[in-house]
Amino acid sequence: MNVYLDYAATSIRKPDAVIAAMTDFIMNHNANPGRGGYERSLEAGRLMLSARQTVADFFSAEKEDHVVFTLNVTMALNMAIQGLVEPGDHIIISGMEHNAVYRPVYALAKEGKITFDVIPTSEEGLTDPADFLKCVRHNTKMVVFSHASNVCGSIFPLREVVRLAKERSIMTIVDTAQTAGVLPLTMEDVDVMAFTGHKHLLGPNGTGGFIVSEEAARRMKPILRGGTGSLSHLASQPEFMPDKFESGTINTVGIMGLKAGMVHLQQLGLREERKKEMTLTDRLLEGIREIGQVKIYGPSDLELRTGTVAFNMQGADNAELCYVLDKQFGIMGRPGLHCSPLGHQTLGTYPEGVMRFSVGSETTVEEIEYTLDALKQIGEKL
């Protein structure tokens, strides 16, 4: 049996509708949208507009032209952070950040452009909104945070912090890499919501983007400039959306696949998918606890976590454990630091890291039971 438990990295199985949509675009509609006056280019533009509307509807955004497509969520976060920051600003991040947030913020601080603080986070990876307020300074410009940890699945109190930030005119940038397609999300009071297409949204690699509020769109500077197919006679970048932030040829075929993945999810129903994944996660956590000599990281309350489970088995290096699981049992997980040294420092697992399993839309009960039996066999040998 082959068992894939690395959905926090990417969804390995894409719905048939995703493959069909990409094939149809390549075969029948492939052209640069908005770059020509001929019908095929115009049709590609209409399909892109439809994809923007799908994303806007999915995240309850008011304007489809405020959906900006990028190659991934890392690119989206860099564009938002660097586009909104001004010299002398203070930024707040959480204690569970992925390097997609941590590195650009750290680089800006090292260059002497900004200062930043990290919200104190519990050993379970949970954040108290009151601790956010303790980090606020007179020059705090923005708070940037992952909605859920990619290491242990802990969920950040998004709505509470967004409300507190808005009351103080602090901008909010949310990384939804681990929750888009898992939890219902809305743009309400959020300034920038960054997403990636290839994880729980079931799209292909090389897709992602961000949705931006009216105020953030006005204040944000583009960090990429180039051809947009609009106002080509001007040397300056267009100021209107989405051209202000979309330069060069975008991944149109991938975006068609992303749209199909999001439509597929809407048909399944996010609440039903969440319920299914939590049932599987509950069983996975319960079974790992029964093995003994295993330390599990992250919240014990299912409502406060996603389907990502981090653990270490006593007497086993997590990288070696991953190798044995793959080679002897066909079980695919991920060991190490997961591009989140800050998160591991919070959990007390730095620098050794952890073994991580993460369930997804195609995970089955049989796969979970098989995985637990494999861990039990390894534990007995240890």
Protein backbone atom coordinates (compact mmCIF):
# COMPACT_ATOMS: atom_id res chain seq x y z
CA MET A 1 0.00 0.00 0.00
CA ASN A 2 1.14 3.55 -0.76
CA VAL A 3 -0.06 6.17 1.72
CA TYR A 4 0.43 9.89 1.13
CA LEU A 5 0.38 11.97 4.32
CA ASP A 6 2.06 15.19 3.22
CA TYR A 7 -0.91 17.37 2.23
CA ALA A 8 0.56 20.28 4.22
CA ALA A 9 3.22 20.36 1.48
CA THR A 10 0.98 19.73 -1.53
CA SER A 11 -2.09 17.74 -2.52
CA ILE A 12 -0.80 14.79 -4.52
CA ARG A 13 -4.08 13.74 -6.14
CA LYS A 14 -5.90 16.33 -8.21
CA PRO A 15 -9.58 15.97 -9.13
CA ASP A 16 -10.32 14.85 -12.68
CA ALA A 17 -11.98 18.22 -13.27
CA VAL A 18 -8.65 19.98 -12.67
CA ILE A 19 -6.84 17.91 -15.30
CA ALA A 20 -9.75 18.31 -17.73
CA ALA A 21 -9.83 22.10 -17.32
CA MET A 22 -6.10 22.45 -17.94
CA THR A 23 -6.21 20.14 -20.95
CA ASP A 24 -9.18 21.99 -22.42
CA PHE A 25 -7.43 25.35 -22.07
CA ILE A 26 -4.22 24.11 -23.67
CA MET A 27 -6.07 22.43 -26.53
CA ASN A 28 -8.80 24.96 -27.24
CA HIS A 29 -8.15 28.36 -25.66
CA ASN A 30 -4.42 28.80 -25.12
CA ALA A 31 -3.38 32.40 -25.78
CA ASN A 32 -2.12 35.35 -23.76
CA PRO A 33 -5.19 36.91 -22.13
CA GLY A 34 -5.53 40.59 -22.95
CA ARG A 35 -2.45 40.64 -25.16
CA GLY A 36 -4.20 40.54 -28.56
CA GLY A 37 -7.32 41.75 -30.35
CA TYR A 38 -8.12 38.36 -31.88
CA GLU A 39 -10.91 36.18 -30.54
CA ARG A 40 -8.75 33.49 -28.95
CA SER A 41 -6.91 36.06 -26.83
CA LEU A 42 -10.20 37.72 -25.90
CA GLU A 43 -11.64 34.34 -24.90
CA ALA A 44 -8.59 33.63 -22.73
CA GLY A 45 -9.21 36.99 -21.06
CA ARG A 46 -12.82 36.08 -20.36
CA LEU A 47 -11.74 32.77 -18.83
CA MET A 48 -9.25 34.59 -16.60
CA LEU A 49 -11.97 36.97 -15.48
CA SER A 50 -14.13 33.98 -14.62
CA ALA A 51 -11.28 32.52 -12.56
CA ARG A 52 -10.89 35.80 -10.66
CA GLN A 53 -14.59 35.76 -9.89
CA THR A 54 -14.34 32.17 -8.60
CA VAL A 55 -11.53 33.18 -6.23
CA ALA A 56 -13.40 36.31 -5.12
CA ASP A 57 -16.54 34.26 -4.38
CA PHE A 58 -14.54 31.59 -2.54
CA PHE A 59 -13.04 34.18 -0.15
CA SER A 60 -16.12 36.45 -0.05
CA ALA A 61 -14.23 39.33 -1.65
CA GLU A 62 -16.23 42.24 -3.06
CA LYS A 63 -14.23 42.86 -6.24
CA GLU A 64 -12.85 40.25 -8.62
CA ASP A 65 -10.27 42.73 -9.97
CA HIS A 66 -8.71 42.81 -6.49
CA VAL A 67 -7.67 39.18 -6.98
CA VAL A 68 -4.00 39.11 -8.01
CA PHE A 69 -2.46 35.88 -9.33
CA THR A 70 1.14 34.95 -8.49
CA LEU A 71 3.26 31.81 -8.77
CA ASN A 72 2.72 30.81 -5.13
CA VAL A 73 1.88 32.13 -1.68
CA THR A 74 5.53 32.99 -0.92
CA MET A 75 5.60 35.39 -3.84
CA ALA A 76 2.26 36.85 -2.75
CA LEU A 77 3.47 37.43 0.81
CA ASN A 78 6.71 39.05 -0.35
CA MET A 79 4.80 41.38 -2.67
CA ALA A 80 2.42 42.37 0.11
CA ILE A 81 4.98 42.83 2.89
CA GLN A 82 7.54 44.70 0.79
CA GLY A 83 4.87 46.66 -1.05
CA LEU A 84 3.24 48.00 2.11
CA VAL A 85 6.24 48.59 4.37
CA GLU A 86 7.84 52.03 4.85
CA PRO A 87 11.19 52.84 6.49
CA GLY A 88 10.82 53.03 10.26
CA ASP A 89 7.76 50.78 10.40
CA HIS A 90 7.23 48.17 13.09
CA ILE A 91 5.84 44.75 12.09
CA ILE A 92 4.34 42.03 14.29
CA ILE A 93 4.46 38.34 13.34
CA SER A 94 3.41 35.18 15.18
CA GLY A 95 5.63 32.62 16.85
CA MET A 96 4.68 29.90 14.35
CA GLU A 97 5.65 31.59 11.09
CA HIS A 98 6.83 29.83 7.98
CA ASN A 99 9.93 31.27 6.32
CA ALA A 100 7.65 32.78 3.66
CA VAL A 101 6.82 35.39 6.31
CA TYR A 102 9.83 35.20 8.61
CA ARG A 103 12.58 35.65 6.01
CA PRO A 104 11.28 38.78 4.25
CA VAL A 105 10.53 40.42 7.61
CA TYR A 106 13.91 39.40 9.02
CA ALA A 107 15.69 40.70 5.90
CA LEU A 108 13.96 44.08 6.16
CA ALA A 109 15.00 44.31 9.81
CA LYS A 110 18.60 43.27 9.08
CA GLU A 111 18.78 46.00 6.43
CA GLY A 112 17.73 48.50 9.11
CA LYS A 113 14.47 49.41 7.39
CA ILE A 114 12.05 48.11 10.02
CA THR A 115 11.79 46.57 13.47
CA PHE A 116 9.62 43.61 14.34
CA ASP A 117 8.31 41.62 17.30
CA VAL A 118 7.12 38.04 17.61
CA ILE A 119 3.88 37.39 19.50
CA PRO A 120 4.57 35.02 22.42
CA THR A 121 3.12 31.62 21.59
CA SER A 122 2.36 28.66 23.88
CA GLU A 123 4.18 25.32 23.66
CA GLU A 124 1.09 24.00 21.88
CA GLY A 125 1.61 26.61 19.17
CA LEU A 126 -1.41 28.67 20.24
CA THR A 127 -1.61 32.47 20.37
CA ASP A 128 -3.53 34.58 22.88
CA PRO A 129 -4.91 37.73 21.18
CA ALA A 130 -4.06 39.69 24.33
CA ASP A 131 -0.38 38.98 23.68
CA PHE A 132 -0.72 40.65 20.28
CA LEU A 133 -1.67 43.88 22.04
CA LYS A 134 1.47 43.69 24.19
CA CYS A 135 3.55 43.89 21.00
CA VAL A 136 1.83 46.96 19.55
CA ARG A 137 3.93 50.13 19.36
CA HIS A 138 3.20 53.65 18.18
CA ASN A 139 4.73 52.85 14.77
CA THR A 140 3.25 49.37 14.26
CA LYS A 141 2.27 49.24 10.59
CA MET A 142 1.12 45.69 10.07
CA VAL A 143 0.65 42.25 11.58
CA VAL A 144 1.53 39.29 9.37
CA PHE A 145 0.59 35.77 10.39
CA SER A 146 -0.03 32.24 9.18
CA HIS A 147 -3.65 31.27 9.77
CA ALA A 148 -2.46 27.81 10.80
CA SER A 149 0.96 26.32 11.49
CA ASN A 150 2.43 24.09 8.82
CA VAL A 151 4.34 22.26 11.56
CA CYS A 152 1.73 21.22 14.12
CA GLY A 153 -1.57 22.51 12.70
CA SER A 154 -2.33 25.05 15.45
CA ILE A 155 -4.87 27.64 14.31
CA PHE A 156 -4.20 31.35 14.86
CA PRO A 157 -7.07 33.46 16.29
CA LEU A 158 -7.58 35.31 13.01
CA ARG A 159 -10.83 37.15 13.65
CA GLU A 160 -9.89 38.35 17.12
CA VAL A 161 -6.51 39.73 16.04
CA VAL A 162 -7.93 41.26 12.85
CA ARG A 163 -10.54 43.09 14.95
CA LEU A 164 -7.93 44.38 17.41
CA ALA A 165 -5.65 45.46 14.58
CA LYS A 166 -8.41 47.29 12.70
CA GLU A 167 -9.36 49.21 15.84
CA ARG A 168 -5.78 50.50 15.89
CA SER A 169 -5.42 51.12 12.13
CA ILE A 170 -2.88 48.31 11.83
CA MET A 171 -2.90 46.48 8.50
CA THR A 172 -3.34 42.68 8.42
CA ILE A 173 -1.68 40.22 6.04
CA VAL A 174 -2.88 36.62 6.37
CA ASP A 175 -1.06 33.56 5.03
CA THR A 176 -3.76 30.95 4.31
CA ALA A 177 -1.45 28.30 2.85
CA GLN A 178 -2.63 25.74 5.41
CA THR A 179 -6.29 26.73 5.70
CA ALA A 180 -7.58 27.78 2.27
CA GLY A 181 -9.72 24.81 1.25
CA VAL A 182 -9.85 23.55 4.86
CA LEU A 183 -11.61 26.31 6.80
CA PRO A 184 -14.19 28.84 5.57
CA LEU A 185 -12.42 32.17 4.98
CA THR A 186 -13.69 35.66 4.33
CA MET A 187 -11.95 38.89 3.40
CA GLU A 188 -13.99 40.83 5.97
CA ASP A 189 -11.69 43.48 7.54
CA VAL A 190 -8.56 41.71 6.20
CA ASP A 191 -6.19 43.87 4.13
CA VAL A 192 -4.30 41.12 2.28
CA MET A 193 -5.22 37.44 2.13
CA ALA A 194 -2.50 35.35 0.47
CA PHE A 195 -3.27 31.87 -0.82
CA THR A 196 -1.56 29.02 -2.63
CA GLY A 197 -3.23 26.82 -5.22
CA HIS A 198 -1.44 23.51 -4.95
CA LYS A 199 -2.31 22.44 -1.40
CA HIS A 200 -5.89 22.08 -0.14
CA LEU A 201 -7.34 24.12 -3.01
CA LEU A 202 -6.41 21.10 -5.18
CA GLY A 203 -4.89 23.12 -8.02
CA PRO A 204 -1.53 22.59 -9.73
CA ASN A 205 1.87 23.81 -8.60
CA GLY A 206 2.85 27.30 -9.70
CA THR A 207 -0.47 28.88 -8.77
CA GLY A 208 -1.43 31.23 -5.97
CA GLY A 209 -2.02 34.87 -5.29
CA PHE A 210 -3.55 37.39 -2.94
CA ILE A 211 -6.75 39.34 -2.51
CA VAL A 212 -6.27 42.95 -1.46
CA SER A 213 -8.59 45.45 0.18
CA GLU A 214 -9.34 48.81 -1.39
CA GLU A 215 -7.08 50.67 1.04
CA ALA A 216 -4.22 48.20 0.76
CA ALA A 217 -4.42 48.27 -3.06
CA ARG A 218 -4.07 52.04 -2.95
CA ARG A 219 -1.18 52.05 -0.48
CA MET A 220 0.77 49.05 -1.74
CA LYS A 221 3.69 49.66 -4.10
CA PRO A 222 4.32 47.11 -6.87
CA ILE A 223 7.66 45.34 -6.54
CA LEU A 224 7.32 43.79 -10.01
CA ARG A 225 6.95 46.02 -13.02
CA GLY A 226 6.65 45.19 -16.70
CA GLY A 227 4.26 44.33 -19.48
CA THR A 228 0.58 44.22 -18.60
CA GLY A 229 -1.05 44.58 -22.01
CA SER A 230 -2.51 47.88 -20.80
CA LEU A 231 -1.29 51.49 -21.09
CA SER A 232 1.72 50.20 -23.03
CA HIS A 233 2.63 53.73 -24.14
CA LEU A 234 3.53 54.70 -20.56
CA ALA A 235 6.85 54.05 -18.83
CA SER A 236 5.11 53.83 -15.45
CA GLN A 237 3.18 50.84 -14.12
CA PRO A 238 -0.63 51.12 -14.36
CA GLU A 239 -2.29 52.10 -11.10
CA PHE A 240 -5.52 50.17 -11.62
CA MET A 241 -6.23 46.61 -10.49
CA PRO A 242 -5.11 43.93 -11.10
CA ASP A 243 -2.55 45.29 -13.61
CA LYS A 244 -0.81 47.23 -10.85
CA PHE A 245 0.55 43.94 -9.46
CA GLU A 246 0.45 41.53 -12.42
CA SER A 247 3.35 41.95 -14.84
CA GLY A 248 4.39 39.51 -17.53
CA THR A 249 2.67 36.36 -18.74
CA ILE A 250 0.86 34.58 -15.94
CA ASN A 251 0.24 30.85 -15.55
CA THR A 252 -3.11 30.83 -17.33
CA VAL A 253 -3.32 27.05 -17.77
CA GLY A 254 -2.51 26.53 -14.09
CA ILE A 255 -5.12 29.08 -13.06
CA MET A 256 -7.74 27.19 -15.07
CA GLY A 257 -6.81 24.13 -13.02
CA LEU A 258 -6.97 26.13 -9.79
CA LYS A 259 -10.42 27.41 -10.67
CA ALA A 260 -11.61 23.85 -11.31
CA GLY A 261 -10.18 22.70 -7.98
CA MET A 262 -11.97 25.46 -6.09
CA VAL A 263 -15.28 24.73 -7.85
CA HIS A 264 -14.81 21.06 -6.96
CA LEU A 265 -14.31 21.98 -3.30
CA GLN A 266 -17.40 24.18 -3.28
CA GLN A 267 -19.42 21.27 -4.61
CA LEU A 268 -18.09 18.95 -1.92
CA GLY A 269 -18.73 21.51 0.82
CA LEU A 270 -15.95 22.81 3.07
CA ARG A 271 -17.78 21.93 6.26
CA GLU A 272 -18.14 18.30 5.23
CA GLU A 273 -14.50 18.14 4.20
CA ARG A 274 -13.44 19.69 7.50
CA LYS A 275 -15.54 17.16 9.40
CA LYS A 276 -14.00 14.26 7.48
CA GLU A 277 -10.43 15.46 7.97
CA MET A 278 -10.96 16.01 11.69
CA THR A 279 -12.34 12.49 12.09
CA LEU A 280 -9.21 11.12 10.43
CA THR A 281 -6.95 13.41 12.48
CA ASP A 282 -8.66 12.36 15.71
CA ARG A 283 -8.04 8.70 14.94
CA LEU A 284 -4.43 9.39 13.95
CA LEU A 285 -3.75 11.25 17.20
CA GLU A 286 -5.50 8.60 19.28
CA GLY A 287 -3.56 5.78 17.64
CA ILE A 288 -0.19 7.50 18.02
CA ARG A 289 -0.87 8.10 21.72
CA GLU A 290 -1.63 4.38 22.18
CA ILE A 291 1.79 3.42 20.81
CA GLY A 292 3.53 5.00 23.78
CA GLN A 293 7.00 6.55 23.96
CA VAL A 294 5.80 9.14 21.44
CA LYS A 295 5.55 12.89 22.02
CA ILE A 296 2.88 14.74 20.05
CA TYR A 297 3.11 18.50 19.46
CA GLY A 298 0.32 20.98 18.92
CA PRO A 299 -3.15 21.50 20.42
CA SER A 300 -5.02 18.62 22.01
CA ASP A 301 -8.33 20.30 21.12
CA LEU A 302 -9.34 19.30 17.58
CA GLU A 303 -11.17 22.58 17.05
CA LEU A 304 -7.88 24.43 17.42
CA ARG A 305 -5.95 22.48 14.81
CA THR A 306 -5.90 21.40 11.19
CA GLY A 307 -5.19 17.88 9.93
CA THR A 308 -1.44 18.27 10.49
CA VAL A 309 0.13 16.11 13.20
CA ALA A 310 3.70 16.52 14.46
CA PHE A 311 5.40 13.96 16.70
CA ASN A 312 8.69 12.37 17.70
CA MET A 313 9.23 8.74 18.61
CA GLN A 314 11.66 8.10 21.45
CA GLY A 315 14.84 6.48 20.21
CA ALA A 316 14.19 7.31 16.55
CA ASP A 317 15.65 10.14 14.50
CA ASN A 318 12.73 11.67 12.59
CA ALA A 319 14.60 11.59 9.28
CA GLU A 320 15.42 7.90 9.73
CA LEU A 321 11.84 7.21 10.77
CA CYS A 322 10.61 8.88 7.59
CA TYR A 323 13.00 6.75 5.52
CA VAL A 324 11.83 3.49 7.13
CA LEU A 325 8.16 4.42 6.75
CA ASP A 326 8.68 5.12 3.06
CA LYS A 327 10.97 2.24 2.13
CA GLN A 328 9.39 -0.51 4.22
CA PHE A 329 5.75 0.56 4.34
CA GLY A 330 5.20 2.99 1.45
CA ILE A 331 4.07 5.77 3.84
CA MET A 332 5.03 9.29 2.81
CA GLY A 333 5.42 12.00 5.46
CA ARG A 334 7.90 14.78 6.10
CA PRO A 335 10.64 15.07 8.74
CA GLY A 336 12.80 18.00 9.79
CA LEU A 337 12.14 21.71 10.27
CA HIS A 338 9.49 22.23 7.56
CA CYS A 339 10.83 25.69 6.57
CA SER A 340 9.70 26.97 9.98
CA PRO A 341 12.60 27.30 12.42
CA LEU A 342 10.61 29.89 14.36
CA GLY A 343 7.75 27.43 14.84
CA HIS A 344 10.12 24.71 16.01
CA GLN A 345 11.78 27.07 18.48
CA THR A 346 8.32 27.76 19.89
CA LEU A 347 7.50 24.05 20.17
CA GLY A 348 10.92 23.20 21.65
CA THR A 349 11.82 20.95 18.71
CA TYR A 350 14.65 23.04 17.25
CA PRO A 351 17.05 22.01 15.73
CA GLU A 352 16.09 18.33 15.58
CA GLY A 353 12.62 18.91 14.12
CA VAL A 354 9.74 16.44 14.09
CA MET A 355 8.03 13.81 11.97
CA ARG A 356 4.94 15.31 10.34
CA PHE A 357 1.85 13.65 8.92
CA SER A 358 -0.90 15.71 7.29
CA VAL A 359 -4.18 14.35 5.98
CA GLY A 360 -6.13 15.63 3.00
CA SER A 361 -9.24 15.22 0.92
CA GLU A 362 -8.19 11.82 -0.46
CA THR A 363 -6.98 10.27 2.81
CA THR A 364 -8.93 7.19 3.91
CA VAL A 365 -9.60 5.44 7.22
CA GLU A 366 -7.80 2.36 5.88
CA GLU A 367 -4.67 4.43 5.21
CA ILE A 368 -4.71 5.82 8.75
CA GLU A 369 -5.07 2.34 10.29
CA TYR A 370 -2.27 1.01 8.07
CA THR A 371 -0.03 3.88 9.15
CA LEU A 372 -0.74 3.33 12.83
CA ASP A 373 0.07 -0.40 12.47
CA ALA A 374 3.37 0.52 10.79
CA LEU A 375 4.27 2.90 13.62
CA LYS A 376 3.38 0.23 16.16
CA GLN A 377 5.69 -2.26 14.47
CA ILE A 378 8.53 0.27 14.44
CA GLY A 379 7.88 1.15 18.08
CA GLU A 380 8.03 -2.49 19.13
CA LYS A 381 11.40 -2.91 17.44
CA LEU A 382 12.74 0.19 19.17
